[in-house]
Amino acid sequence: MFRVGNGIDFHKLIHEPFRPLMLAGVEVPSEYALLGHSDADVLLHAVADAILGALSLGDIGQHYPDNDASIKNISSSIIVRKCLSLAKEKGWSLVNVDCTYVGDLPKINPIRAQLISSLAAILYLPEDCVSIKATTSEGMGALGRSEGVMVMATALLEKSKN
C-alpha cells in the first residue's frame, strides 16, 4: 500500500548577510537569507509538509507553530526527522521525494548535487530516490522579482513490511 503527499512552502528573500541561507540542510553562501521563525529552509519545509500530508497529519504549522518561542531558529532537519518518526510510528516508510524549487536566487544548478546529497542523508534515502529540480517564474510576480522563493515537494510513502 502506498500514500502520496504534496507540500508547498514560500519564504521571503531578504538582504541579510549575517543570517545563513539554508536549503536542504546546506548553508548556501549568499548575501541573502530566507525569513522565517525557524532556519527558514523552504525546501525542508515543503518536504515535511509532503510527508505529513501523506500521513493525513496536517502541516508543519500545526506541529511547529511560528508563535512558539521555544522553537525559534530551530533547524528544519529536526522538523523533517520528526515527520519521519511520525511515519515510522504509523507503520510507513519514505520511498522517494521529488522537489521543485521556484526562484531566481540563489541559483540551484551549481549546488544541486550538494543539496541532493544533504537531503538524502536527512531522509535516510539513497541519492537516486531524491530529486531537486529548479525553475524560475520568468520575471512574473513576487518570485520573479526575487522577493521570495517557493518549493513544491511530493513524497511517496509505503506501508512498512512487518
N, C-alpha and C. Protein backbone atom coordinates (compact mmCIF):
# COMPACT_ATOMS: atom_id res chain seq x y z
N MET A 1 0.84 -1.18 0.00
CA MET A 1 0.00 0.00 0.00
C MET A 1 0.89 1.24 0.00
N PHE A 2 0.47 2.24 -0.74
CA PHE A 2 1.24 3.48 -0.87
C PHE A 2 0.37 4.69 -0.53
N ARG A 3 1.03 5.77 -0.15
CA ARG A 3 0.39 7.07 0.04
C ARG A 3 1.30 8.14 -0.55
N VAL A 4 0.66 9.16 -1.14
CA VAL A 4 1.39 10.28 -1.72
C VAL A 4 0.98 11.55 -0.98
N GLY A 5 1.96 12.39 -0.69
CA GLY A 5 1.68 13.68 -0.07
C GLY A 5 2.35 14.79 -0.85
N ASN A 6 1.71 15.95 -0.86
CA ASN A 6 2.28 17.13 -1.51
C ASN A 6 2.53 18.21 -0.47
N GLY A 7 3.61 18.93 -0.64
CA GLY A 7 3.91 20.05 0.23
C GLY A 7 4.33 21.25 -0.59
N ILE A 8 4.03 22.42 -0.07
CA ILE A 8 4.44 23.66 -0.73
C ILE A 8 4.80 24.65 0.36
N ASP A 9 5.85 25.40 0.12
CA ASP A 9 6.25 26.41 1.10
C ASP A 9 6.84 27.61 0.39
N PHE A 10 6.64 28.77 0.97
CA PHE A 10 7.16 30.03 0.47
C PHE A 10 7.93 30.71 1.60
N HIS A 11 9.01 31.38 1.28
CA HIS A 11 9.69 32.23 2.24
C HIS A 11 10.17 33.49 1.54
N LYS A 12 10.08 34.58 2.26
CA LYS A 12 10.53 35.87 1.76
C LYS A 12 12.05 35.88 1.74
N LEU A 13 12.61 36.40 0.65
CA LEU A 13 14.05 36.54 0.49
C LEU A 13 14.44 37.94 0.96
N ILE A 14 15.37 38.02 1.90
CA ILE A 14 15.78 39.30 2.46
C ILE A 14 17.29 39.49 2.31
N HIS A 15 17.69 40.73 2.19
CA HIS A 15 19.12 41.03 2.15
C HIS A 15 19.61 41.04 3.59
N GLU A 16 20.30 39.97 3.97
CA GLU A 16 20.76 39.81 5.36
C GLU A 16 22.04 38.97 5.34
N PRO A 17 23.19 39.62 5.17
CA PRO A 17 24.44 38.87 5.03
C PRO A 17 24.85 38.09 6.28
N PHE A 18 24.23 38.36 7.42
CA PHE A 18 24.64 37.68 8.65
C PHE A 18 23.74 36.50 9.01
N ARG A 19 22.60 36.36 8.36
CA ARG A 19 21.71 35.21 8.59
C ARG A 19 22.01 34.16 7.51
N PRO A 20 22.24 32.92 7.90
CA PRO A 20 22.53 31.90 6.87
C PRO A 20 21.31 31.61 6.00
N LEU A 21 21.56 31.37 4.73
CA LEU A 21 20.53 30.92 3.81
C LEU A 21 20.62 29.40 3.75
N MET A 22 19.61 28.74 4.27
CA MET A 22 19.60 27.29 4.35
C MET A 22 18.69 26.70 3.27
N LEU A 23 19.21 25.68 2.58
CA LEU A 23 18.42 24.91 1.61
C LEU A 23 18.81 23.45 1.74
N ALA A 24 17.85 22.60 1.99
CA ALA A 24 18.07 21.16 2.11
C ALA A 24 19.13 20.84 3.17
N GLY A 25 19.21 21.67 4.20
CA GLY A 25 20.18 21.45 5.26
C GLY A 25 21.57 21.97 4.95
N VAL A 26 21.72 22.63 3.83
CA VAL A 26 23.02 23.16 3.40
C VAL A 26 23.02 24.67 3.59
N GLU A 27 24.09 25.20 4.21
CA GLU A 27 24.24 26.65 4.30
C GLU A 27 24.81 27.14 2.97
N VAL A 28 23.99 27.88 2.23
CA VAL A 28 24.35 28.34 0.90
C VAL A 28 25.00 29.72 1.01
N PRO A 29 26.22 29.88 0.51
CA PRO A 29 26.86 31.19 0.57
C PRO A 29 26.03 32.23 -0.20
N SER A 30 25.65 33.29 0.49
CA SER A 30 24.81 34.31 -0.13
C SER A 30 24.74 35.53 0.77
N GLU A 31 24.53 36.68 0.17
CA GLU A 31 24.28 37.88 0.96
C GLU A 31 22.80 37.97 1.32
N TYR A 32 22.01 37.01 0.82
CA TYR A 32 20.58 36.95 1.10
C TYR A 32 20.29 35.83 2.08
N ALA A 33 19.11 35.89 2.68
CA ALA A 33 18.64 34.85 3.58
C ALA A 33 17.14 34.71 3.39
N LEU A 34 16.60 33.62 3.89
CA LEU A 34 15.16 33.42 3.86
C LEU A 34 14.61 33.75 5.24
N LEU A 35 13.53 34.50 5.27
CA LEU A 35 12.93 34.96 6.51
C LEU A 35 11.98 33.90 7.04
N GLY A 36 12.10 33.60 8.34
CA GLY A 36 11.20 32.64 8.95
C GLY A 36 11.45 32.48 10.43
N HIS A 37 10.53 31.82 11.12
CA HIS A 37 10.64 31.58 12.56
C HIS A 37 11.71 30.54 12.85
N SER A 38 11.81 29.54 11.97
CA SER A 38 12.84 28.51 12.10
C SER A 38 14.06 28.99 11.32
N ASP A 39 14.89 28.05 10.85
CA ASP A 39 16.00 28.44 9.98
C ASP A 39 15.52 28.77 8.56
N ALA A 40 14.20 28.65 8.33
CA ALA A 40 13.53 29.03 7.08
C ALA A 40 13.99 28.21 5.87
N ASP A 41 14.35 26.96 6.10
CA ASP A 41 14.76 26.09 5.00
C ASP A 41 13.52 25.68 4.21
N VAL A 42 13.20 26.45 3.20
CA VAL A 42 11.98 26.30 2.42
C VAL A 42 11.88 24.91 1.80
N LEU A 43 12.99 24.34 1.41
CA LEU A 43 12.98 23.02 0.79
C LEU A 43 12.59 21.95 1.81
N LEU A 44 13.20 22.00 2.99
CA LEU A 44 12.86 21.02 4.02
C LEU A 44 11.43 21.20 4.51
N HIS A 45 10.94 22.44 4.55
CA HIS A 45 9.56 22.67 4.98
C HIS A 45 8.58 22.03 4.00
N ALA A 46 8.83 22.16 2.72
CA ALA A 46 7.95 21.55 1.73
C ALA A 46 7.97 20.03 1.84
N VAL A 47 9.15 19.46 2.08
CA VAL A 47 9.27 18.01 2.24
C VAL A 47 8.53 17.56 3.50
N ALA A 48 8.69 18.30 4.59
CA ALA A 48 7.99 17.95 5.83
C ALA A 48 6.48 17.95 5.61
N ASP A 49 5.98 18.98 4.93
CA ASP A 49 4.54 19.04 4.66
C ASP A 49 4.08 17.91 3.75
N ALA A 50 4.92 17.51 2.80
CA ALA A 50 4.56 16.39 1.92
C ALA A 50 4.44 15.09 2.73
N ILE A 51 5.37 14.86 3.64
CA ILE A 51 5.31 13.67 4.49
C ILE A 51 4.08 13.71 5.38
N LEU A 52 3.85 14.85 6.03
CA LEU A 52 2.68 14.98 6.89
C LEU A 52 1.39 14.82 6.09
N GLY A 53 1.37 15.35 4.87
CA GLY A 53 0.19 15.20 4.03
C GLY A 53 -0.11 13.75 3.70
N ALA A 54 0.92 12.99 3.38
CA ALA A 54 0.73 11.56 3.08
C ALA A 54 0.20 10.81 4.29
N LEU A 55 0.52 11.30 5.48
CA LEU A 55 0.08 10.66 6.73
C LEU A 55 -1.25 11.21 7.22
N SER A 56 -1.80 12.21 6.54
CA SER A 56 -3.02 12.90 6.97
C SER A 56 -2.86 13.49 8.37
N LEU A 57 -1.69 14.12 8.60
CA LEU A 57 -1.38 14.71 9.91
C LEU A 57 -1.24 16.22 9.86
N GLY A 58 -1.90 16.86 8.92
CA GLY A 58 -1.88 18.31 8.87
C GLY A 58 -0.62 18.86 8.24
N ASP A 59 -0.12 19.97 8.81
CA ASP A 59 1.06 20.62 8.26
C ASP A 59 2.03 21.00 9.36
N ILE A 60 3.21 21.47 8.98
CA ILE A 60 4.23 21.76 9.99
C ILE A 60 3.81 22.88 10.92
N GLY A 61 2.94 23.79 10.47
CA GLY A 61 2.46 24.85 11.34
C GLY A 61 1.67 24.33 12.53
N GLN A 62 1.01 23.19 12.36
CA GLN A 62 0.29 22.58 13.46
C GLN A 62 1.24 21.92 14.45
N HIS A 63 2.34 21.38 13.95
CA HIS A 63 3.30 20.67 14.80
C HIS A 63 4.37 21.60 15.36
N TYR A 64 4.69 22.64 14.59
CA TYR A 64 5.73 23.61 14.97
C TYR A 64 5.21 25.03 14.70
N PRO A 65 4.32 25.54 15.56
CA PRO A 65 3.72 26.86 15.31
C PRO A 65 4.75 27.99 15.35
N ASP A 66 4.56 28.97 14.47
CA ASP A 66 5.53 30.06 14.36
C ASP A 66 5.42 31.09 15.47
N ASN A 67 4.56 30.84 16.45
CA ASN A 67 4.49 31.72 17.62
C ASN A 67 5.04 31.04 18.89
N ASP A 68 5.67 29.89 18.70
CA ASP A 68 6.27 29.16 19.82
C ASP A 68 7.73 29.58 19.97
N ALA A 69 7.99 30.40 20.99
CA ALA A 69 9.34 30.94 21.19
C ALA A 69 10.37 29.84 21.47
N SER A 70 9.93 28.71 21.98
CA SER A 70 10.88 27.64 22.33
C SER A 70 11.52 27.00 21.09
N ILE A 71 10.93 27.22 19.93
CA ILE A 71 11.50 26.63 18.71
C ILE A 71 12.01 27.69 17.74
N LYS A 72 12.20 28.90 18.21
CA LYS A 72 12.75 29.97 17.38
C LYS A 72 14.10 29.53 16.81
N ASN A 73 14.29 29.66 15.51
CA ASN A 73 15.51 29.31 14.79
C ASN A 73 15.82 27.81 14.79
N ILE A 74 14.83 26.96 15.04
CA ILE A 74 15.04 25.51 15.02
C ILE A 74 15.54 25.08 13.65
N SER A 75 16.41 24.10 13.64
CA SER A 75 16.88 23.52 12.39
C SER A 75 15.74 22.75 11.73
N SER A 76 15.50 23.01 10.48
CA SER A 76 14.42 22.33 9.77
C SER A 76 14.68 20.85 9.60
N SER A 77 15.93 20.42 9.70
CA SER A 77 16.21 18.98 9.64
C SER A 77 15.58 18.27 10.83
N ILE A 78 15.47 18.95 11.97
CA ILE A 78 14.80 18.37 13.15
C ILE A 78 13.31 18.18 12.84
N ILE A 79 12.73 19.14 12.17
CA ILE A 79 11.31 19.06 11.80
C ILE A 79 11.08 17.86 10.87
N VAL A 80 11.93 17.72 9.85
CA VAL A 80 11.78 16.61 8.90
C VAL A 80 11.99 15.27 9.59
N ARG A 81 12.98 15.18 10.45
CA ARG A 81 13.23 13.91 11.15
C ARG A 81 12.06 13.55 12.05
N LYS A 82 11.40 14.54 12.67
CA LYS A 82 10.21 14.28 13.47
C LYS A 82 9.09 13.75 12.58
N CYS A 83 8.94 14.30 11.38
CA CYS A 83 7.93 13.80 10.45
C CYS A 83 8.21 12.35 10.06
N LEU A 84 9.48 12.03 9.84
CA LEU A 84 9.85 10.64 9.54
C LEU A 84 9.55 9.72 10.72
N SER A 85 9.76 10.22 11.92
CA SER A 85 9.46 9.45 13.13
C SER A 85 7.96 9.18 13.24
N LEU A 86 7.16 10.18 12.93
CA LEU A 86 5.70 10.00 12.94
C LEU A 86 5.28 8.96 11.91
N ALA A 87 5.92 8.99 10.74
CA ALA A 87 5.62 8.00 9.71
C ALA A 87 5.94 6.59 10.22
N LYS A 88 7.10 6.45 10.82
CA LYS A 88 7.51 5.14 11.33
C LYS A 88 6.54 4.65 12.40
N GLU A 89 6.13 5.55 13.31
CA GLU A 89 5.17 5.19 14.36
C GLU A 89 3.87 4.67 13.78
N LYS A 90 3.47 5.20 12.63
CA LYS A 90 2.21 4.81 11.99
C LYS A 90 2.40 3.65 11.01
N GLY A 91 3.64 3.13 10.91
CA GLY A 91 3.88 1.97 10.06
C GLY A 91 4.17 2.29 8.60
N TRP A 92 4.71 3.48 8.32
CA TRP A 92 5.01 3.89 6.95
C TRP A 92 6.49 4.20 6.82
N SER A 93 7.02 4.02 5.63
CA SER A 93 8.40 4.41 5.35
C SER A 93 8.44 5.21 4.06
N LEU A 94 9.38 6.15 4.01
CA LEU A 94 9.53 7.03 2.86
C LEU A 94 10.22 6.28 1.73
N VAL A 95 9.67 6.38 0.52
CA VAL A 95 10.22 5.73 -0.67
C VAL A 95 11.07 6.71 -1.47
N ASN A 96 10.50 7.88 -1.78
CA ASN A 96 11.23 8.89 -2.54
C ASN A 96 10.59 10.26 -2.36
N VAL A 97 11.33 11.30 -2.72
CA VAL A 97 10.80 12.66 -2.74
C VAL A 97 11.21 13.33 -4.05
N ASP A 98 10.34 14.21 -4.52
CA ASP A 98 10.59 14.99 -5.72
C ASP A 98 10.26 16.43 -5.38
N CYS A 99 11.23 17.32 -5.55
CA CYS A 99 11.07 18.73 -5.18
C CYS A 99 11.30 19.63 -6.39
N THR A 100 10.53 20.72 -6.44
CA THR A 100 10.73 21.75 -7.46
C THR A 100 10.91 23.08 -6.76
N TYR A 101 12.06 23.69 -6.98
CA TYR A 101 12.41 25.00 -6.42
C TYR A 101 12.05 26.06 -7.45
N VAL A 102 11.32 27.09 -7.03
CA VAL A 102 10.93 28.18 -7.93
C VAL A 102 11.50 29.48 -7.38
N GLY A 103 12.44 30.06 -8.11
CA GLY A 103 13.05 31.32 -7.69
C GLY A 103 14.30 31.60 -8.50
N ASP A 104 14.74 32.84 -8.43
CA ASP A 104 15.94 33.25 -9.16
C ASP A 104 17.19 33.23 -8.30
N LEU A 105 17.03 33.44 -7.01
CA LEU A 105 18.16 33.47 -6.08
C LEU A 105 17.91 32.54 -4.92
N PRO A 106 18.86 31.77 -4.48
CA PRO A 106 20.13 31.51 -5.16
C PRO A 106 19.93 30.56 -6.34
N LYS A 107 20.90 30.53 -7.21
CA LYS A 107 20.87 29.59 -8.33
C LYS A 107 21.11 28.19 -7.80
N ILE A 108 20.28 27.25 -8.24
CA ILE A 108 20.34 25.87 -7.74
C ILE A 108 21.32 24.99 -8.51
N ASN A 109 21.42 25.20 -9.82
CA ASN A 109 22.25 24.29 -10.63
C ASN A 109 23.66 24.08 -10.10
N PRO A 110 24.38 25.12 -9.68
CA PRO A 110 25.75 24.90 -9.21
C PRO A 110 25.86 24.09 -7.91
N ILE A 111 24.77 24.02 -7.15
CA ILE A 111 24.82 23.32 -5.86
C ILE A 111 23.84 22.15 -5.77
N ARG A 112 23.22 21.81 -6.88
CA ARG A 112 22.21 20.76 -6.88
C ARG A 112 22.71 19.44 -6.30
N ALA A 113 23.88 18.98 -6.69
CA ALA A 113 24.40 17.71 -6.18
C ALA A 113 24.59 17.75 -4.67
N GLN A 114 25.07 18.87 -4.16
CA GLN A 114 25.25 19.03 -2.71
C GLN A 114 23.90 19.01 -1.98
N LEU A 115 22.91 19.68 -2.56
CA LEU A 115 21.57 19.70 -1.96
C LEU A 115 20.95 18.31 -1.93
N ILE A 116 21.08 17.58 -3.03
CA ILE A 116 20.53 16.22 -3.11
C ILE A 116 21.22 15.33 -2.09
N SER A 117 22.53 15.42 -1.99
CA SER A 117 23.28 14.60 -1.04
C SER A 117 22.83 14.89 0.40
N SER A 118 22.69 16.16 0.73
CA SER A 118 22.26 16.53 2.08
C SER A 118 20.84 16.07 2.36
N LEU A 119 19.93 16.31 1.42
CA LEU A 119 18.54 15.91 1.62
C LEU A 119 18.43 14.40 1.75
N ALA A 120 19.15 13.67 0.93
CA ALA A 120 19.13 12.20 1.02
C ALA A 120 19.60 11.74 2.40
N ALA A 121 20.64 12.35 2.93
CA ALA A 121 21.14 11.98 4.26
C ALA A 121 20.11 12.29 5.34
N ILE A 122 19.47 13.45 5.27
CA ILE A 122 18.45 13.82 6.25
C ILE A 122 17.29 12.84 6.22
N LEU A 123 16.93 12.38 5.02
CA LEU A 123 15.78 11.49 4.84
C LEU A 123 16.13 10.01 4.95
N TYR A 124 17.40 9.69 5.12
CA TYR A 124 17.86 8.28 5.16
C TYR A 124 17.49 7.55 3.87
N LEU A 125 17.65 8.24 2.75
CA LEU A 125 17.35 7.66 1.44
C LEU A 125 18.60 7.65 0.57
N PRO A 126 18.68 6.73 -0.38
CA PRO A 126 19.74 6.81 -1.38
C PRO A 126 19.53 8.05 -2.25
N GLU A 127 20.60 8.60 -2.77
CA GLU A 127 20.50 9.82 -3.58
C GLU A 127 19.63 9.64 -4.81
N ASP A 128 19.54 8.43 -5.36
CA ASP A 128 18.72 8.25 -6.55
C ASP A 128 17.22 8.17 -6.22
N CYS A 129 16.87 8.39 -4.95
CA CYS A 129 15.47 8.48 -4.53
C CYS A 129 15.09 9.90 -4.15
N VAL A 130 15.98 10.85 -4.47
CA VAL A 130 15.78 12.26 -4.14
C VAL A 130 15.97 13.10 -5.40
N SER A 131 14.97 13.90 -5.72
CA SER A 131 15.05 14.76 -6.90
C SER A 131 14.84 16.21 -6.48
N ILE A 132 15.70 17.09 -6.99
CA ILE A 132 15.53 18.53 -6.80
C ILE A 132 15.69 19.19 -8.16
N LYS A 133 14.60 19.79 -8.61
CA LYS A 133 14.60 20.50 -9.88
C LYS A 133 14.46 21.98 -9.59
N ALA A 134 14.74 22.81 -10.58
CA ALA A 134 14.61 24.26 -10.39
C ALA A 134 14.02 24.90 -11.63
N THR A 135 13.28 25.97 -11.37
CA THR A 135 12.75 26.78 -12.46
C THR A 135 12.61 28.22 -11.94
N THR A 136 12.35 29.11 -12.85
CA THR A 136 12.07 30.50 -12.46
C THR A 136 10.62 30.79 -12.84
N SER A 137 10.15 31.96 -12.45
CA SER A 137 8.80 32.36 -12.85
C SER A 137 8.86 33.37 -13.99
N GLU A 138 9.98 33.38 -14.71
CA GLU A 138 10.15 34.21 -15.91
C GLU A 138 9.87 35.69 -15.64
N GLY A 139 10.28 36.16 -14.45
CA GLY A 139 10.13 37.56 -14.12
C GLY A 139 8.74 37.97 -13.67
N MET A 140 7.83 37.02 -13.55
CA MET A 140 6.45 37.34 -13.18
C MET A 140 6.27 37.30 -11.66
N GLY A 141 5.56 38.25 -11.12
CA GLY A 141 5.15 38.25 -9.72
C GLY A 141 6.30 38.40 -8.74
N ALA A 142 5.98 38.17 -7.46
CA ALA A 142 6.95 38.34 -6.38
C ALA A 142 8.15 37.43 -6.55
N LEU A 143 7.93 36.19 -6.98
CA LEU A 143 9.06 35.27 -7.17
C LEU A 143 9.95 35.76 -8.31
N GLY A 144 9.35 36.27 -9.35
CA GLY A 144 10.10 36.79 -10.49
C GLY A 144 10.89 38.05 -10.17
N ARG A 145 10.45 38.78 -9.16
CA ARG A 145 11.17 39.96 -8.69
C ARG A 145 12.17 39.61 -7.59
N SER A 146 12.38 38.33 -7.36
CA SER A 146 13.31 37.82 -6.32
C SER A 146 12.95 38.32 -4.93
N GLU A 147 11.65 38.44 -4.67
CA GLU A 147 11.18 38.82 -3.34
C GLU A 147 11.06 37.60 -2.43
N GLY A 148 11.11 36.42 -3.02
CA GLY A 148 10.98 35.19 -2.24
C GLY A 148 11.25 33.99 -3.10
N VAL A 149 11.10 32.82 -2.49
CA VAL A 149 11.24 31.56 -3.21
C VAL A 149 10.11 30.63 -2.77
N MET A 150 9.87 29.64 -3.59
CA MET A 150 8.84 28.64 -3.31
C MET A 150 9.41 27.27 -3.64
N VAL A 151 9.00 26.28 -2.88
CA VAL A 151 9.34 24.89 -3.19
C VAL A 151 8.08 24.05 -3.10
N MET A 152 7.89 23.20 -4.09
CA MET A 152 6.84 22.20 -4.07
C MET A 152 7.52 20.85 -3.91
N ALA A 153 6.93 19.98 -3.09
CA ALA A 153 7.52 18.65 -2.88
C ALA A 153 6.43 17.59 -2.90
N THR A 154 6.79 16.43 -3.39
CA THR A 154 5.93 15.26 -3.38
C THR A 154 6.69 14.14 -2.70
N ALA A 155 6.02 13.45 -1.78
CA ALA A 155 6.63 12.33 -1.07
C ALA A 155 5.79 11.08 -1.27
N LEU A 156 6.45 9.97 -1.52
CA LEU A 156 5.79 8.68 -1.63
C LEU A 156 6.14 7.85 -0.41
N LEU A 157 5.12 7.39 0.30
CA LEU A 157 5.31 6.53 1.46
C LEU A 157 4.75 5.15 1.16
N GLU A 158 5.39 4.14 1.73
CA GLU A 158 4.98 2.76 1.56
C GLU A 158 4.71 2.16 2.93
N LYS A 159 3.65 1.35 3.02
CA LYS A 159 3.35 0.67 4.28
C LYS A 159 4.52 -0.26 4.60
N SER A 160 5.05 -0.12 5.80
CA SER A 160 6.20 -0.93 6.21
C SER A 160 5.83 -2.40 6.23
N LYS A 161 6.77 -3.23 5.85
CA LYS A 161 6.54 -4.67 5.81
C LYS A 161 6.97 -5.27 7.15
N ASN A 162 6.01 -5.43 8.05
CA ASN A 162 6.30 -6.01 9.38
C ASN A 162 5.49 -7.25 9.61
